[in-house]
Amino acid sequence: MIWEQAPDYDQLSARAASLLLDSIRANPQIVLGLPTGKTPTGMYERVVRDCEREYHCFKDVTTFNLDEYVGIPKEHDGSYATYMKRVLFDHIDIDPSHTHIPNGMSHNLEFECRRYEAEIDDAGGIDLTFLGLGRNGHIAFNEPGTPFRSRTRVVDLSESTRAANAAYFPDGNVPSQAITMGIATIMASKRIVLLATGSGKQEAIARLRSRQISVDFPASVLWTHPNVHVLVA
């Protein structure tokens, strides 16, 4: 595991964007696993800015998002489909058919989870996944206690996770469930970059540094992966 300390959030975002764009330059047909939330927003802003200077930056890239809420349409302001269009997809030359986000409105959620796993397999697996780090160590929506063998599935969201995402739901109706990539799905990525920033994440960062691997701290599983880059600020 490679650890890299950035002096502030802006520099962390710039470094993350550089890692993402360098990976595309090295492999224009790369398959990316992408996160949502506050932490990666700066990375996406940098990527959009830098791609304006390059021709066909995302032309042949395929993306799979880590998760989506259950029970809200993709057009909802709080959906991760809307988030990705707002911060990235609407500003780059990616083929919309190459972007994949779970369908939280599916009438058969178990089938949707299996379908999503199959889509990842059909794409040849994920080459590079970017992750955020939750205060309790969650990665994607895999909360403490999640088995490391878990695959894409429907999960109940903890109250702390719902509270952390409440800003995207001003009406107060924060979804209670989501579809999320499982830990085993994430760990099958050839390479992983973890982003962690802010005073509220320092305890989680310290726990991750301890190298103590436990299902009570999902991010600790990353110590068992051969190619992880941690960016902290």
Protein backbone atom coordinates (compact mmCIF):
# COMPACT_ATOMS: atom_id res chain seq x y z
CA MET A 1 0.00 0.00 0.00
CA ILE A 2 1.37 3.38 -1.08
CA TRP A 3 0.59 6.35 1.19
CA GLU A 4 0.79 9.89 -0.12
CA GLN A 5 0.14 13.01 1.96
CA ALA A 6 -1.22 16.11 0.23
CA PRO A 7 -0.99 19.51 1.93
CA ASP A 8 -4.67 20.31 1.39
CA TYR A 9 -7.85 19.22 -0.36
CA ASP A 10 -7.06 21.09 -3.59
CA GLN A 11 -3.72 19.35 -3.95
CA LEU A 12 -5.28 15.98 -3.12
CA SER A 13 -7.90 16.58 -5.82
CA ALA A 14 -5.23 17.59 -8.34
CA ARG A 15 -3.16 14.51 -7.58
CA ALA A 16 -6.20 12.20 -7.84
CA ALA A 17 -7.18 13.76 -11.18
CA SER A 18 -3.63 13.26 -12.42
CA LEU A 19 -3.71 9.58 -11.46
CA LEU A 20 -7.05 9.13 -13.23
CA LEU A 21 -6.03 10.93 -16.43
CA ASP A 22 -2.62 9.25 -16.55
CA SER A 23 -4.37 5.90 -16.37
CA ILE A 24 -6.53 6.84 -19.38
CA ARG A 25 -3.48 7.97 -21.34
CA ALA A 26 -1.82 4.65 -20.59
CA ASN A 27 -4.95 2.68 -21.52
CA PRO A 28 -7.59 4.63 -23.49
CA GLN A 29 -10.02 1.71 -23.11
CA ILE A 30 -9.67 1.53 -19.35
CA VAL A 31 -12.58 0.40 -17.16
CA LEU A 32 -13.01 2.69 -14.15
CA GLY A 33 -14.87 2.26 -10.86
CA LEU A 34 -16.08 5.69 -9.75
CA PRO A 35 -17.28 7.08 -6.40
CA THR A 36 -19.69 9.86 -5.49
CA GLY A 37 -20.02 12.23 -2.54
CA LYS A 38 -18.10 15.27 -1.40
CA THR A 39 -14.54 13.94 -1.44
CA PRO A 40 -14.19 13.16 -5.18
CA THR A 41 -15.93 16.34 -6.36
CA GLY A 42 -12.67 18.27 -6.57
CA MET A 43 -11.07 15.44 -8.52
CA TYR A 44 -13.89 15.49 -11.07
CA GLU A 45 -13.66 19.28 -11.41
CA ARG A 46 -9.95 18.97 -12.21
CA VAL A 47 -10.57 16.14 -14.66
CA VAL A 48 -13.17 18.21 -16.54
CA ARG A 49 -10.85 21.20 -16.64
CA ASP A 50 -7.87 19.19 -17.89
CA CYS A 51 -9.89 17.25 -20.45
CA GLU A 52 -10.91 20.48 -22.13
CA ARG A 53 -7.32 20.65 -23.36
CA GLU A 54 -7.23 17.11 -24.69
CA TYR A 55 -8.99 15.51 -27.66
CA HIS A 56 -11.21 12.48 -27.01
CA CYS A 57 -10.11 12.11 -23.41
CA PHE A 58 -12.89 9.67 -22.39
CA LYS A 59 -13.92 8.49 -25.85
CA ASP A 60 -13.27 4.78 -25.23
CA VAL A 61 -13.46 4.70 -21.42
CA THR A 62 -16.02 2.54 -19.58
CA THR A 63 -17.21 3.44 -16.07
CA PHE A 64 -19.04 1.63 -13.29
CA ASN A 65 -20.29 3.60 -10.32
CA LEU A 66 -19.98 2.10 -6.86
CA ASP A 67 -23.58 2.58 -5.81
CA GLU A 68 -27.00 4.13 -6.23
CA TYR A 69 -29.94 4.79 -3.93
CA VAL A 70 -32.98 2.51 -3.95
CA GLY A 71 -36.40 4.01 -4.58
CA ILE A 72 -35.59 7.27 -6.34
CA PRO A 73 -35.50 7.80 -10.13
CA LYS A 74 -32.21 8.58 -11.82
CA GLU A 75 -33.53 12.08 -12.59
CA HIS A 76 -33.89 12.90 -8.88
CA ASP A 77 -31.56 15.69 -7.75
CA GLY A 78 -30.16 13.43 -5.03
CA SER A 79 -29.50 10.39 -7.20
CA TYR A 80 -25.95 9.40 -8.00
CA ALA A 81 -26.91 9.27 -11.69
CA THR A 82 -27.70 12.98 -11.47
CA TYR A 83 -24.55 13.65 -9.46
CA MET A 84 -22.34 11.98 -12.07
CA LYS A 85 -23.96 13.89 -14.93
CA ARG A 86 -23.57 17.16 -13.04
CA VAL A 87 -19.93 16.79 -12.02
CA LEU A 88 -18.49 14.70 -14.86
CA PHE A 89 -20.47 12.99 -17.59
CA ASP A 90 -22.13 16.10 -19.05
CA HIS A 91 -18.73 17.78 -19.44
CA ILE A 92 -16.62 15.09 -21.11
CA ASP A 93 -16.78 13.10 -24.35
CA ILE A 94 -17.72 9.77 -22.78
CA ASP A 95 -20.21 7.57 -24.63
CA PRO A 96 -23.33 7.40 -22.41
CA SER A 97 -23.66 3.70 -23.24
CA HIS A 98 -20.27 3.18 -21.58
CA THR A 99 -21.43 4.60 -18.24
CA HIS A 100 -22.98 2.16 -15.78
CA ILE A 101 -24.89 2.95 -12.58
CA PRO A 102 -27.14 0.51 -10.71
CA ASN A 103 -30.87 0.96 -11.29
CA GLY A 104 -32.35 1.68 -7.89
CA MET A 105 -35.85 1.70 -9.37
CA SER A 106 -35.68 -1.87 -10.64
CA HIS A 107 -38.74 -3.99 -9.82
CA ASN A 108 -36.37 -6.89 -9.09
CA LEU A 109 -33.45 -5.56 -7.10
CA GLU A 110 -31.78 -8.94 -6.64
CA PHE A 111 -31.78 -9.42 -10.40
CA GLU A 112 -30.42 -5.89 -10.85
CA CYS A 113 -27.50 -6.70 -8.56
CA ARG A 114 -26.70 -9.87 -10.52
CA ARG A 115 -27.04 -7.96 -13.79
CA TYR A 116 -24.59 -5.32 -12.59
CA GLU A 117 -22.02 -7.93 -11.62
CA ALA A 118 -22.46 -9.54 -15.04
CA GLU A 119 -21.90 -6.19 -16.78
CA ILE A 120 -18.62 -5.75 -14.91
CA ASP A 121 -17.56 -9.26 -15.92
CA ASP A 122 -18.55 -8.61 -19.55
CA ALA A 123 -16.36 -5.49 -19.52
CA GLY A 124 -13.39 -7.60 -18.48
CA GLY A 125 -13.41 -6.42 -14.87
CA ILE A 126 -12.47 -3.05 -13.43
CA ASP A 127 -8.95 -1.78 -14.03
CA LEU A 128 -8.92 1.11 -11.56
CA THR A 129 -11.35 1.96 -8.77
CA PHE A 130 -11.44 5.21 -6.81
CA LEU A 131 -12.86 5.04 -3.29
CA GLY A 132 -13.77 7.44 -0.51
CA LEU A 133 -13.34 6.55 3.15
CA GLY A 134 -16.26 6.74 5.57
CA ARG A 135 -15.76 7.89 9.15
CA ASN A 136 -16.56 4.38 10.33
CA GLY A 137 -14.32 2.84 7.69
CA HIS A 138 -17.02 2.05 5.16
CA ILE A 139 -16.08 1.82 1.49
CA ALA A 140 -18.89 2.36 -1.02
CA PHE A 141 -21.93 1.53 1.15
CA ASN A 142 -20.27 -1.46 2.80
CA GLU A 143 -20.78 -0.71 6.49
CA PRO A 144 -18.88 -2.26 9.43
CA GLY A 145 -19.63 -5.95 9.71
CA THR A 146 -19.88 -6.50 5.96
CA PRO A 147 -18.27 -9.83 4.97
CA PHE A 148 -15.21 -9.37 2.81
CA ARG A 149 -16.68 -11.89 0.33
CA SER A 150 -19.74 -9.67 -0.35
CA ARG A 151 -20.79 -8.84 -3.89
CA THR A 152 -23.13 -6.22 -5.37
CA ARG A 153 -26.32 -6.22 -3.31
CA VAL A 154 -29.02 -4.13 -1.62
CA VAL A 155 -28.00 -2.69 1.76
CA ASP A 156 -29.72 -0.80 4.56
CA LEU A 157 -28.03 2.54 5.15
CA SER A 158 -26.88 3.43 8.65
CA GLU A 159 -28.24 6.57 10.28
CA SER A 160 -24.77 8.14 10.21
CA THR A 161 -24.44 7.49 6.48
CA ARG A 162 -27.92 8.89 5.81
CA ALA A 163 -27.08 11.97 7.87
CA ALA A 164 -23.84 12.46 5.93
CA ASN A 165 -25.83 12.52 2.67
CA ALA A 166 -28.81 14.54 3.93
CA ALA A 167 -27.65 17.71 2.16
CA TYR A 168 -28.64 16.13 -1.16
CA PHE A 169 -32.22 15.65 0.10
CA PRO A 170 -33.48 19.03 1.37
CA ASP A 171 -36.96 17.57 1.82
CA GLY A 172 -35.55 15.26 4.49
CA ASN A 173 -36.54 12.09 2.65
CA VAL A 174 -33.12 10.43 2.54
CA PRO A 175 -33.36 6.89 1.09
CA SER A 176 -32.91 4.09 3.60
CA GLN A 177 -31.45 1.60 1.12
CA ALA A 178 -28.95 1.50 -1.71
CA ILE A 179 -27.42 -0.87 -4.22
CA THR A 180 -23.67 -1.07 -3.65
CA MET A 181 -20.70 -2.90 -5.06
CA GLY A 182 -19.63 -5.50 -2.55
CA ILE A 183 -16.19 -5.62 -0.99
CA ALA A 184 -15.15 -8.62 -3.10
CA THR A 185 -16.31 -6.77 -6.22
CA ILE A 186 -14.17 -3.77 -5.31
CA MET A 187 -11.20 -5.93 -4.38
CA ALA A 188 -11.30 -7.58 -7.81
CA SER A 189 -10.17 -4.25 -9.31
CA LYS A 190 -6.62 -4.41 -10.62
CA ARG A 191 -5.77 -1.14 -8.88
CA ILE A 192 -7.43 0.98 -6.17
CA VAL A 193 -6.99 4.63 -5.16
CA LEU A 194 -8.47 5.66 -1.81
CA LEU A 195 -9.17 9.33 -1.08
CA ALA A 196 -9.50 10.60 2.49
CA THR A 197 -9.58 14.22 3.61
CA GLY A 198 -10.85 16.41 6.42
CA SER A 199 -10.56 16.52 10.18
CA GLY A 200 -13.52 14.18 10.53
CA LYS A 201 -11.62 11.40 8.74
CA GLN A 202 -8.43 11.53 10.82
CA GLU A 203 -9.51 8.79 13.22
CA ALA A 204 -10.44 6.53 10.32
CA ILE A 205 -7.13 7.29 8.59
CA ALA A 206 -5.22 6.45 11.76
CA ARG A 207 -7.10 3.18 12.13
CA LEU A 208 -6.34 2.26 8.53
CA ARG A 209 -2.65 3.00 9.10
CA SER A 210 -2.63 0.51 11.98
CA ARG A 211 -2.86 -2.39 9.50
CA GLN A 212 -5.35 -4.20 11.74
CA ILE A 213 -7.64 -6.08 9.38
CA SER A 214 -11.21 -6.56 10.61
CA VAL A 215 -14.74 -6.71 9.17
CA ASP A 216 -15.55 -4.07 11.79
CA PHE A 217 -13.51 -1.65 9.67
CA PRO A 218 -14.24 -2.44 6.00
CA ALA A 219 -11.43 -0.32 4.54
CA SER A 220 -8.89 -2.48 6.36
CA VAL A 221 -9.40 -5.17 3.70
CA LEU A 222 -7.39 -2.95 1.36
CA TRP A 223 -4.22 -4.17 3.09
CA THR A 224 -4.80 -7.52 1.38
CA HIS A 225 -4.84 -5.97 -2.12
CA PRO A 226 -1.55 -5.85 -4.05
CA ASN A 227 -1.98 -2.40 -5.62
CA VAL A 228 -3.54 0.31 -3.43
CA HIS A 229 -2.63 4.01 -3.42
CA VAL A 230 -3.92 6.08 -0.49
CA LEU A 231 -4.16 9.88 -0.87
CA VAL A 232 -4.78 11.79 2.36
CA ALA A 233 -5.01 15.48 3.25
